[in-house]
Amino acid sequence: MTFRSFDALKVFDTVARRMSFTRAAEELHVTKGAISYQIRNLEDQLGFKLFHRKPGNLSLTRHGLRLWHISEAALEKIEREISEMKASSNENITVGMTTYFASRWLSPRLMHFTSRFPDIGLRLQPTLGVQNLQNQDMDMMIRWGTGDWQDGIVEKLLHCPAFPTAGRKFKISPIGGLTQNMSSAILLHDDRESDAWQKWFQAAGIDYPENPGELVIPDPNVRVQAVIDGQGLALNDRLIEAEIAANKLVRVSSIELDDYGYFLTYLPNALQNRSLKLFRDWILDEATEQP
């Protein structure tokens, strides 16, 4: 026969723990008669007694003690699992971003968030390229580009214009100048569909090469190293200031794509999650105070 009296098990656990029908009734906010009725029905369904009842004395039977140990452990496990699921649902958030942005901008500031909101579990999910937010198990994404995405709410986080960079050995030829050098260089892209280089050539007033040498490297950290190693030119932003200061990278031109930067993207109802809203408000404040 299938056991169905799970509500009665909670009553039984309370009586066994308090060893009193009266105190169990007080804890559960019901009458003593209701407790007695639940226990009696439970015993009838089980087919054995749970308690020895004597005036002024209540004790567990051998089967009652065994069942209590089982039910107590099971109920504690259920409550623990529910608590963990609630914490996962309400307090843990996942934010996608490139490791490039995480290590160069977010990481030095992250302690400000964790110390201010120690109850929020933050998971940083590495991303490459512009992934569709609706198809990802993420609460928010931080993307680099112009913000013209249609899969969620978009808010500008950092203004970071894009400019061409090269390894320190790159030299502008006196013959043909920038036009000749850019037209013959290997251009590194973050995505096959990216039109950032075309936009830069247009801004510079230079015709985009008909058959440009191109190399797609989605990971921005790898792309930076490829430029340092002389594999080509890439559009970067001010987060590579350390490499420029160390003379590992050089700016090829002062011409920038001024509408580029880092943007927050999240689904329309995402900020109903208290933790995500706190993170969003915090990171926007950080970007304003420490750009």
C-alpha atoms as a PDB file:
ATOM      1  CA  MET A   1       0.000   0.000   0.000  1.00  0.00           C
ATOM      2  CA  THR A   2       1.335   3.432  -0.934  1.00  0.00           C
ATOM      3  CA  PHE A   3       2.047   5.688   2.051  1.00  0.00           C
ATOM      4  CA  ARG A   4       0.276   9.038   1.758  1.00  0.00           C
ATOM      5  CA  SER A   5       0.280  10.585   5.249  1.00  0.00           C
ATOM      6  CA  PHE A   6       3.315  12.824   4.804  1.00  0.00           C
ATOM      7  CA  ASP A   7       1.661  15.724   6.616  1.00  0.00           C
ATOM      8  CA  ALA A   8       1.190  13.456   9.620  1.00  0.00           C
ATOM      9  CA  LEU A   9       4.920  12.661   9.578  1.00  0.00           C
ATOM     10  CA  LYS A  10       5.670  16.329  10.284  1.00  0.00           C
ATOM     11  CA  VAL A  11       3.249  16.193  13.245  1.00  0.00           C
ATOM     12  CA  PHE A  12       4.858  12.958  14.439  1.00  0.00           C
ATOM     13  CA  ASP A  13       8.327  14.508  14.179  1.00  0.00           C
ATOM     14  CA  THR A  14       7.230  17.477  16.290  1.00  0.00           C
ATOM     15  CA  VAL A  15       5.651  15.276  18.984  1.00  0.00           C
ATOM     16  CA  ALA A  16       8.695  13.000  19.080  1.00  0.00           C
ATOM     17  CA  ARG A  17      11.039  15.970  19.355  1.00  0.00           C
ATOM     18  CA  ARG A  18       9.000  17.743  22.050  1.00  0.00           C
ATOM     19  CA  MET A  19       7.848  14.476  23.661  1.00  0.00           C
ATOM     20  CA  SER A  20       4.540  16.131  24.449  1.00  0.00           C
ATOM     21  CA  PHE A  21       1.238  16.411  22.607  1.00  0.00           C
ATOM     22  CA  THR A  22       0.573  19.729  24.333  1.00  0.00           C
ATOM     23  CA  ARG A  23       3.898  21.347  23.399  1.00  0.00           C
ATOM     24  CA  ALA A  24       3.632  19.988  19.859  1.00  0.00           C
ATOM     25  CA  ALA A  25       0.176  21.552  19.549  1.00  0.00           C
ATOM     26  CA  GLU A  26       1.568  24.909  20.724  1.00  0.00           C
ATOM     27  CA  GLU A  27       4.440  24.770  18.226  1.00  0.00           C
ATOM     28  CA  LEU A  28       2.168  23.863  15.316  1.00  0.00           C
ATOM     29  CA  HIS A  29      -0.592  26.264  16.387  1.00  0.00           C
ATOM     30  CA  VAL A  30      -3.291  23.590  16.496  1.00  0.00           C
ATOM     31  CA  THR A  31      -5.285  21.940  19.282  1.00  0.00           C
ATOM     32  CA  LYS A  32      -4.062  19.004  21.320  1.00  0.00           C
ATOM     33  CA  GLY A  33      -7.035  17.032  20.012  1.00  0.00           C
ATOM     34  CA  ALA A  34      -5.917  17.631  16.422  1.00  0.00           C
ATOM     35  CA  ILE A  35      -2.461  16.301  17.274  1.00  0.00           C
ATOM     36  CA  SER A  36      -3.920  13.188  18.899  1.00  0.00           C
ATOM     37  CA  TYR A  37      -6.168  12.591  15.887  1.00  0.00           C
ATOM     38  CA  GLN A  38      -3.239  12.889  13.427  1.00  0.00           C
ATOM     39  CA  ILE A  39      -1.048  10.506  15.407  1.00  0.00           C
ATOM     40  CA  ARG A  40      -3.853   7.964  15.840  1.00  0.00           C
ATOM     41  CA  ASN A  41      -4.613   7.981  12.105  1.00  0.00           C
ATOM     42  CA  LEU A  42      -0.915   7.643  11.315  1.00  0.00           C
ATOM     43  CA  GLU A  43      -0.608   4.643  13.630  1.00  0.00           C
ATOM     44  CA  ASP A  44      -3.670   3.044  12.028  1.00  0.00           C
ATOM     45  CA  GLN A  45      -2.205   3.437   8.565  1.00  0.00           C
ATOM     46  CA  LEU A  46       1.217   2.166   9.603  1.00  0.00           C
ATOM     47  CA  GLY A  47      -0.180  -0.788  11.532  1.00  0.00           C
ATOM     48  CA  PHE A  48       1.996  -0.244  14.613  1.00  0.00           C
ATOM     49  CA  LYS A  49       2.110   1.999  17.652  1.00  0.00           C
ATOM     50  CA  LEU A  50       4.478   4.979  17.722  1.00  0.00           C
ATOM     51  CA  PHE A  51       4.168   6.000  21.372  1.00  0.00           C
ATOM     52  CA  HIS A  52       3.736   4.418  24.758  1.00  0.00           C
ATOM     53  CA  ARG A  53       1.084   6.554  26.454  1.00  0.00           C
ATOM     54  CA  LYS A  54       0.981   6.631  30.245  1.00  0.00           C
ATOM     55  CA  PRO A  55      -0.404   9.380  32.505  1.00  0.00           C
ATOM     56  CA  GLY A  56       2.230  12.122  32.598  1.00  0.00           C
ATOM     57  CA  ASN A  57       4.646  10.061  30.534  1.00  0.00           C
ATOM     58  CA  LEU A  58       5.084   9.745  26.746  1.00  0.00           C
ATOM     59  CA  SER A  59       7.790   7.634  25.136  1.00  0.00           C
ATOM     60  CA  LEU A  60       8.548   6.243  21.714  1.00  0.00           C
ATOM     61  CA  THR A  61       8.070   2.595  20.888  1.00  0.00           C
ATOM     62  CA  ARG A  62      10.856   0.674  19.181  1.00  0.00           C
ATOM     63  CA  HIS A  63       9.220   1.216  15.778  1.00  0.00           C
ATOM     64  CA  GLY A  64       8.428   4.822  16.707  1.00  0.00           C
ATOM     65  CA  LEU A  65      12.070   5.556  17.527  1.00  0.00           C
ATOM     66  CA  ARG A  66      13.224   3.991  14.274  1.00  0.00           C
ATOM     67  CA  LEU A  67      10.671   5.937  12.234  1.00  0.00           C
ATOM     68  CA  TRP A  68      11.561   9.184  13.992  1.00  0.00           C
ATOM     69  CA  HIS A  69      15.241   8.827  13.103  1.00  0.00           C
ATOM     70  CA  ILE A  70      14.284   8.215   9.469  1.00  0.00           C
ATOM     71  CA  SER A  71      11.703  11.008   9.259  1.00  0.00           C
ATOM     72  CA  GLU A  72      13.872  13.529  11.106  1.00  0.00           C
ATOM     73  CA  ALA A  73      16.775  12.981   8.710  1.00  0.00           C
ATOM     74  CA  ALA A  74      14.459  13.141   5.681  1.00  0.00           C
ATOM     75  CA  LEU A  75      12.683  16.317   6.828  1.00  0.00           C
ATOM     76  CA  GLU A  76      16.007  18.016   7.609  1.00  0.00           C
ATOM     77  CA  LYS A  77      17.294  17.104   4.143  1.00  0.00           C
ATOM     78  CA  ILE A  78      14.139  18.459   2.502  1.00  0.00           C
ATOM     79  CA  GLU A  79      14.368  21.730   4.434  1.00  0.00           C
ATOM     80  CA  ARG A  80      18.068  22.066   3.602  1.00  0.00           C
ATOM     81  CA  GLU A  81      17.452  21.433  -0.090  1.00  0.00           C
ATOM     82  CA  ILE A  82      14.595  23.948  -0.147  1.00  0.00           C
ATOM     83  CA  SER A  83      16.796  26.558   1.555  1.00  0.00           C
ATOM     84  CA  GLU A  84      19.549  25.970  -0.986  1.00  0.00           C
ATOM     85  CA  MET A  85      17.094  26.222  -3.868  1.00  0.00           C
ATOM     86  CA  LYS A  86      15.676  29.441  -2.458  1.00  0.00           C
ATOM     87  CA  ALA A  87      19.192  30.845  -2.119  1.00  0.00           C
ATOM     88  CA  SER A  88      20.004  29.765  -5.661  1.00  0.00           C
ATOM     89  CA  SER A  89      16.808  31.299  -6.978  1.00  0.00           C
ATOM     90  CA  ASN A  90      16.883  34.583  -5.086  1.00  0.00           C
ATOM     91  CA  GLU A  91      20.489  35.409  -4.278  1.00  0.00           C
ATOM     92  CA  ASN A  92      22.767  33.767  -6.853  1.00  0.00           C
ATOM     93  CA  ILE A  93      23.219  35.513 -10.187  1.00  0.00           C
ATOM     94  CA  THR A  94      25.213  34.701 -13.313  1.00  0.00           C
ATOM     95  CA  VAL A  95      26.739  37.489 -15.385  1.00  0.00           C
ATOM     96  CA  GLY A  96      28.402  36.726 -18.704  1.00  0.00           C
ATOM     97  CA  MET A  97      31.433  38.646 -19.963  1.00  0.00           C
ATOM     98  CA  THR A  98      34.784  38.110 -21.617  1.00  0.00           C
ATOM     99  CA  THR A  99      37.695  37.161 -19.401  1.00  0.00           C
ATOM    100  CA  TYR A 100      39.380  40.235 -20.924  1.00  0.00           C
ATOM    101  CA  PHE A 101      36.820  42.580 -19.339  1.00  0.00           C
ATOM    102  CA  ALA A 102      36.605  40.572 -16.124  1.00  0.00           C
ATOM    103  CA  SER A 103      40.342  40.632 -15.486  1.00  0.00           C
ATOM    104  CA  ARG A 104      41.117  44.153 -16.716  1.00  0.00           C
ATOM    105  CA  TRP A 105      38.186  46.150 -15.366  1.00  0.00           C
ATOM    106  CA  LEU A 106      35.861  44.174 -13.092  1.00  0.00           C
ATOM    107  CA  SER A 107      38.276  42.118 -11.007  1.00  0.00           C
ATOM    108  CA  PRO A 108      40.012  45.082  -9.297  1.00  0.00           C
ATOM    109  CA  ARG A 109      36.586  46.395  -8.234  1.00  0.00           C
ATOM    110  CA  LEU A 110      34.842  43.150  -7.375  1.00  0.00           C
ATOM    111  CA  MET A 111      35.776  43.231  -3.694  1.00  0.00           C
ATOM    112  CA  HIS A 112      33.681  46.391  -3.354  1.00  0.00           C
ATOM    113  CA  PHE A 113      30.616  44.366  -4.378  1.00  0.00           C
ATOM    114  CA  THR A 114      31.292  41.190  -2.378  1.00  0.00           C
ATOM    115  CA  SER A 115      32.017  43.113   0.822  1.00  0.00           C
ATOM    116  CA  ARG A 116      28.910  45.242   0.404  1.00  0.00           C
ATOM    117  CA  PHE A 117      26.605  42.341  -0.520  1.00  0.00           C
ATOM    118  CA  PRO A 118      28.050  39.207   1.112  1.00  0.00           C
ATOM    119  CA  ASP A 119      24.704  37.380   0.801  1.00  0.00           C
ATOM    120  CA  ILE A 120      24.729  37.491  -3.008  1.00  0.00           C
ATOM    121  CA  GLY A 121      26.499  34.716  -4.871  1.00  0.00           C
ATOM    122  CA  LEU A 122      27.990  36.101  -8.106  1.00  0.00           C
ATOM    123  CA  ARG A 123      29.065  33.755 -10.895  1.00  0.00           C
ATOM    124  CA  LEU A 124      31.081  35.194 -13.767  1.00  0.00           C
ATOM    125  CA  GLN A 125      30.426  33.233 -16.949  1.00  0.00           C
ATOM    126  CA  PRO A 126      33.133  33.553 -19.634  1.00  0.00           C
ATOM    127  CA  THR A 127      31.719  34.454 -23.049  1.00  0.00           C
ATOM    128  CA  LEU A 128      33.116  34.837 -26.538  1.00  0.00           C
ATOM    129  CA  GLY A 129      31.518  37.009 -29.164  1.00  0.00           C
ATOM    130  CA  VAL A 130      27.980  38.347 -28.979  1.00  0.00           C
ATOM    131  CA  GLN A 131      25.955  35.372 -27.774  1.00  0.00           C
ATOM    132  CA  ASN A 132      22.175  35.576 -27.785  1.00  0.00           C
ATOM    133  CA  LEU A 133      21.106  36.294 -24.217  1.00  0.00           C
ATOM    134  CA  GLN A 134      17.802  34.422 -24.571  1.00  0.00           C
ATOM    135  CA  ASN A 135      19.621  31.177 -25.356  1.00  0.00           C
ATOM    136  CA  GLN A 136      22.044  31.397 -22.438  1.00  0.00           C
ATOM    137  CA  ASP A 137      21.756  30.425 -18.791  1.00  0.00           C
ATOM    138  CA  MET A 138      22.760  33.911 -17.696  1.00  0.00           C
ATOM    139  CA  ASP A 139      20.946  36.716 -15.884  1.00  0.00           C
ATOM    140  CA  MET A 140      22.937  39.490 -17.558  1.00  0.00           C
ATOM    141  CA  MET A 141      25.704  39.961 -20.105  1.00  0.00           C
ATOM    142  CA  ILE A 142      28.372  42.637 -20.448  1.00  0.00           C
ATOM    143  CA  ARG A 143      29.186  43.119 -24.130  1.00  0.00           C
ATOM    144  CA  TRP A 144      31.573  45.237 -26.146  1.00  0.00           C
ATOM    145  CA  GLY A 145      30.214  46.941 -29.227  1.00  0.00           C
ATOM    146  CA  THR A 146      27.804  49.697 -30.182  1.00  0.00           C
ATOM    147  CA  GLY A 147      24.823  48.456 -28.162  1.00  0.00           C
ATOM    148  CA  ASP A 148      22.637  47.688 -31.180  1.00  0.00           C
ATOM    149  CA  TRP A 149      21.355  44.313 -29.940  1.00  0.00           C
ATOM    150  CA  GLN A 150      17.711  43.312 -29.993  1.00  0.00           C
ATOM    151  CA  ASP A 151      17.580  40.425 -27.510  1.00  0.00           C
ATOM    152  CA  GLY A 152      17.092  42.430 -24.309  1.00  0.00           C
ATOM    153  CA  ILE A 153      17.350  45.724 -22.465  1.00  0.00           C
ATOM    154  CA  VAL A 154      20.639  47.486 -23.256  1.00  0.00           C
ATOM    155  CA  GLU A 155      22.333  50.028 -20.972  1.00  0.00           C
ATOM    156  CA  LYS A 156      25.705  51.677 -21.576  1.00  0.00           C
ATOM    157  CA  LEU A 157      28.245  50.837 -18.908  1.00  0.00           C
ATOM    158  CA  LEU A 158      31.544  52.257 -20.188  1.00  0.00           C
ATOM    159  CA  HIS A 159      32.395  54.506 -23.089  1.00  0.00           C
ATOM    160  CA  CYS A 160      35.389  52.801 -24.719  1.00  0.00           C
ATOM    161  CA  PRO A 161      36.091  53.972 -28.288  1.00  0.00           C
ATOM    162  CA  ALA A 162      37.817  51.465 -30.557  1.00  0.00           C
ATOM    163  CA  PHE A 163      41.141  52.260 -32.216  1.00  0.00           C
ATOM    164  CA  PRO A 164      43.639  50.213 -34.229  1.00  0.00           C
ATOM    165  CA  THR A 165      46.635  48.743 -32.441  1.00  0.00           C
ATOM    166  CA  ALA A 166      49.735  46.945 -33.606  1.00  0.00           C
ATOM    167  CA  GLY A 167      52.835  45.307 -32.175  1.00  0.00           C
ATOM    168  CA  ARG A 168      55.774  47.553 -31.379  1.00  0.00           C
ATOM    169  CA  LYS A 169      57.610  46.482 -34.532  1.00  0.00           C
ATOM    170  CA  PHE A 170      54.855  47.856 -36.759  1.00  0.00           C
ATOM    171  CA  LYS A 171      56.059  50.890 -38.697  1.00  0.00           C
ATOM    172  CA  ILE A 172      54.190  53.295 -40.934  1.00  0.00           C
ATOM    173  CA  SER A 173      55.939  53.298 -44.296  1.00  0.00           C
ATOM    174  CA  PRO A 174      56.850  56.778 -45.540  1.00  0.00           C
ATOM    175  CA  ILE A 175      55.638  55.636 -48.964  1.00  0.00           C
ATOM    176  CA  GLY A 176      51.885  55.403 -49.012  1.00  0.00           C
ATOM    177  CA  GLY A 177      51.595  56.226 -45.307  1.00  0.00           C
ATOM    178  CA  LEU A 178      48.699  54.985 -43.241  1.00  0.00           C
ATOM    179  CA  THR A 179      46.547  54.185 -46.275  1.00  0.00           C
ATOM    180  CA  GLN A 180      49.094  51.794 -47.766  1.00  0.00           C
ATOM    181  CA  ASN A 181      49.951  50.142 -44.452  1.00  0.00           C
ATOM    182  CA  MET A 182      46.352  49.587 -43.364  1.00  0.00           C
ATOM    183  CA  SER A 183      45.330  48.274 -46.760  1.00  0.00           C
ATOM    184  CA  SER A 184      48.044  45.600 -46.709  1.00  0.00           C
ATOM    185  CA  ALA A 185      47.892  44.606 -43.036  1.00  0.00           C
ATOM    186  CA  ILE A 186      46.372  41.439 -41.601  1.00  0.00           C
ATOM    187  CA  LEU A 187      43.206  42.510 -39.780  1.00  0.00           C
ATOM    188  CA  LEU A 188      42.195  40.585 -36.670  1.00  0.00           C
ATOM    189  CA  HIS A 189      38.450  40.225 -36.019  1.00  0.00           C
ATOM    190  CA  ASP A 190      36.448  39.061 -33.007  1.00  0.00           C
ATOM    191  CA  ASP A 191      33.695  37.557 -35.167  1.00  0.00           C
ATOM    192  CA  ARG A 192      33.211  36.660 -38.818  1.00  0.00           C
ATOM    193  CA  GLU A 193      30.125  38.886 -38.959  1.00  0.00           C
ATOM    194  CA  SER A 194      31.806  41.900 -37.369  1.00  0.00           C
ATOM    195  CA  ASP A 195      31.841  45.085 -39.446  1.00  0.00           C
ATOM    196  CA  ALA A 196      33.976  47.083 -36.993  1.00  0.00           C
ATOM    197  CA  TRP A 197      36.973  47.284 -39.334  1.00  0.00           C
ATOM    198  CA  GLN A 198      34.799  48.439 -42.208  1.00  0.00           C
ATOM    199  CA  LYS A 199      33.429  51.193 -39.974  1.00  0.00           C
ATOM    200  CA  TRP A 200      36.926  52.230 -38.954  1.00  0.00           C
ATOM    201  CA  PHE A 201      38.157  52.415 -42.546  1.00  0.00           C
ATOM    202  CA  GLN A 202      35.141  54.556 -43.382  1.00  0.00           C
ATOM    203  CA  ALA A 203      35.843  56.857 -40.425  1.00  0.00           C
ATOM    204  CA  ALA A 204      39.480  57.146 -41.538  1.00  0.00           C
ATOM    205  CA  GLY A 205      38.483  57.951 -45.118  1.00  0.00           C
ATOM    206  CA  ILE A 206      40.322  54.905 -46.438  1.00  0.00           C
ATOM    207  CA  ASP A 207      38.846  52.389 -48.858  1.00  0.00           C
ATOM    208  CA  TYR A 208      38.365  48.999 -47.263  1.00  0.00           C
ATOM    209  CA  PRO A 209      40.561  46.435 -49.048  1.00  0.00           C
ATOM    210  CA  GLU A 210      38.762  44.268 -51.614  1.00  0.00           C
ATOM    211  CA  ASN A 211      40.545  41.119 -50.411  1.00  0.00           C
ATOM    212  CA  PRO A 212      41.872  41.938 -46.947  1.00  0.00           C
ATOM    213  CA  GLY A 213      44.027  39.537 -45.019  1.00  0.00           C
ATOM    214  CA  GLU A 214      41.792  38.549 -42.119  1.00  0.00           C
ATOM    215  CA  LEU A 215      42.124  36.397 -39.022  1.00  0.00           C
ATOM    216  CA  VAL A 216      39.201  35.715 -36.645  1.00  0.00           C
ATOM    217  CA  ILE A 217      40.166  35.400 -32.969  1.00  0.00           C
ATOM    218  CA  PRO A 218      37.060  35.523 -30.724  1.00  0.00           C
ATOM    219  CA  ASP A 219      38.948  35.608 -27.411  1.00  0.00           C
ATOM    220  CA  PRO A 220      40.067  39.221 -26.818  1.00  0.00           C
ATOM    221  CA  ASN A 221      42.949  38.181 -24.556  1.00  0.00           C
ATOM    222  CA  VAL A 222      44.297  35.898 -27.260  1.00  0.00           C
ATOM    223  CA  ARG A 223      43.714  38.641 -29.824  1.00  0.00           C
ATOM    224  CA  VAL A 224      45.773  41.127 -27.793  1.00  0.00           C
ATOM    225  CA  GLN A 225      48.627  38.631 -27.566  1.00  0.00           C
ATOM    226  CA  ALA A 226      48.394  37.928 -31.292  1.00  0.00           C
ATOM    227  CA  VAL A 227      48.851  41.645 -31.977  1.00  0.00           C
ATOM    228  CA  ILE A 228      51.818  41.780 -29.604  1.00  0.00           C
ATOM    229  CA  ASP A 229      53.305  38.795 -31.463  1.00  0.00           C
ATOM    230  CA  GLY A 230      52.982  40.669 -34.762  1.00  0.00           C
ATOM    231  CA  GLN A 231      50.241  38.505 -36.289  1.00  0.00           C
ATOM    232  CA  GLY A 232      48.207  41.510 -37.377  1.00  0.00           C
ATOM    233  CA  LEU A 233      46.307  44.620 -36.322  1.00  0.00           C
ATOM    234  CA  ALA A 234      43.268  44.686 -34.050  1.00  0.00           C
ATOM    235  CA  LEU A 235      40.756  47.214 -32.846  1.00  0.00           C
ATOM    236  CA  ASN A 236      41.160  47.603 -29.106  1.00  0.00           C
ATOM    237  CA  ASP A 237      40.082  50.014 -26.387  1.00  0.00           C
ATOM    238  CA  ARG A 238      41.628  51.748 -23.403  1.00  0.00           C
ATOM    239  CA  LEU A 239      41.687  48.536 -21.359  1.00  0.00           C
ATOM    240  CA  ILE A 240      45.007  47.753 -23.096  1.00  0.00           C
ATOM    241  CA  GLU A 241      46.642  50.876 -21.596  1.00  0.00           C
ATOM    242  CA  ALA A 242      49.121  48.723 -19.656  1.00  0.00           C
ATOM    243  CA  GLU A 243      50.423  47.128 -22.868  1.00  0.00           C
ATOM    244  CA  ILE A 244      50.741  50.538 -24.502  1.00  0.00           C
ATOM    245  CA  ALA A 245      52.560  51.949 -21.480  1.00  0.00           C
ATOM    246  CA  ALA A 246      54.927  48.958 -21.574  1.00  0.00           C
ATOM    247  CA  ASN A 247      55.517  49.550 -25.308  1.00  0.00           C
ATOM    248  CA  LYS A 248      54.145  46.123 -26.177  1.00  0.00           C
ATOM    249  CA  LEU A 249      51.377  47.678 -28.265  1.00  0.00           C
ATOM    250  CA  VAL A 250      51.207  50.897 -30.224  1.00  0.00           C
ATOM    251  CA  ARG A 251      48.268  52.918 -31.488  1.00  0.00           C
ATOM    252  CA  VAL A 252      48.362  52.963 -35.256  1.00  0.00           C
ATOM    253  CA  SER A 253      46.076  55.985 -35.589  1.00  0.00           C
ATOM    254  CA  SER A 254      44.283  58.536 -33.438  1.00  0.00           C
ATOM    255  CA  ILE A 255      41.056  57.896 -35.367  1.00  0.00           C
ATOM    256  CA  GLU A 256      38.492  56.118 -33.166  1.00  0.00           C
ATOM    257  CA  LEU A 257      35.090  54.532 -33.410  1.00  0.00           C
ATOM    258  CA  ASP A 258      33.524  56.753 -30.803  1.00  0.00           C
ATOM    259  CA  ASP A 259      30.254  54.858 -30.388  1.00  0.00           C
ATOM    260  CA  TYR A 260      31.908  51.683 -29.047  1.00  0.00           C
ATOM    261  CA  GLY A 261      31.930  50.656 -25.419  1.00  0.00           C
ATOM    262  CA  TYR A 262      30.696  48.118 -22.877  1.00  0.00           C
ATOM    263  CA  PHE A 263      26.981  47.575 -22.386  1.00  0.00           C
ATOM    264  CA  LEU A 264      24.799  45.704 -19.911  1.00  0.00           C
ATOM    265  CA  THR A 265      22.183  43.474 -21.528  1.00  0.00           C
ATOM    266  CA  TYR A 266      19.386  41.699 -19.669  1.00  0.00           C
ATOM    267  CA  LEU A 267      15.868  40.437 -20.303  1.00  0.00           C
ATOM    268  CA  PRO A 268      12.925  42.804 -19.664  1.00  0.00           C
ATOM    269  CA  ASN A 269      11.846  41.262 -16.336  1.00  0.00           C
ATOM    270  CA  ALA A 270      15.334  40.412 -15.076  1.00  0.00           C
ATOM    271  CA  LEU A 271      15.573  43.254 -12.568  1.00  0.00           C
ATOM    272  CA  GLN A 272      12.705  41.786 -10.595  1.00  0.00           C
ATOM    273  CA  ASN A 273      15.483  39.644  -9.169  1.00  0.00           C
ATOM    274  CA  ARG A 274      16.658  41.713  -6.184  1.00  0.00           C
ATOM    275  CA  SER A 275      20.238  40.466  -6.421  1.00  0.00           C
ATOM    276  CA  LEU A 276      20.578  41.276 -10.102  1.00  0.00           C
ATOM    277  CA  LYS A 277      19.193  44.771  -9.608  1.00  0.00           C
ATOM    278  CA  LEU A 278      21.673  45.394  -6.791  1.00  0.00           C
ATOM    279  CA  PHE A 279      24.520  44.225  -9.037  1.00  0.00           C
ATOM    280  CA  ARG A 280      23.300  46.349 -11.931  1.00  0.00           C
ATOM    281  CA  ASP A 281      23.013  49.479  -9.764  1.00  0.00           C
ATOM    282  CA  TRP A 282      26.410  48.820  -8.193  1.00  0.00           C
ATOM    283  CA  ILE A 283      28.316  48.294 -11.456  1.00  0.00           C
ATOM    284  CA  LEU A 284      26.765  51.401 -13.049  1.00  0.00           C
ATOM    285  CA  ASP A 285      27.883  53.414 -10.006  1.00  0.00           C
ATOM    286  CA  GLU A 286      31.393  51.940 -10.272  1.00  0.00           C
ATOM    287  CA  ALA A 287      31.601  52.890 -13.940  1.00  0.00           C
ATOM    288  CA  THR A 288      30.524  56.452 -13.126  1.00  0.00           C
ATOM    289  CA  GLU A 289      32.911  56.884 -10.194  1.00  0.00           C
ATOM    290  CA  GLN A 290      35.918  55.011 -11.599  1.00  0.00           C
ATOM    291  CA  PRO A 291      35.685  55.023 -15.394  1.00  0.00           C
END
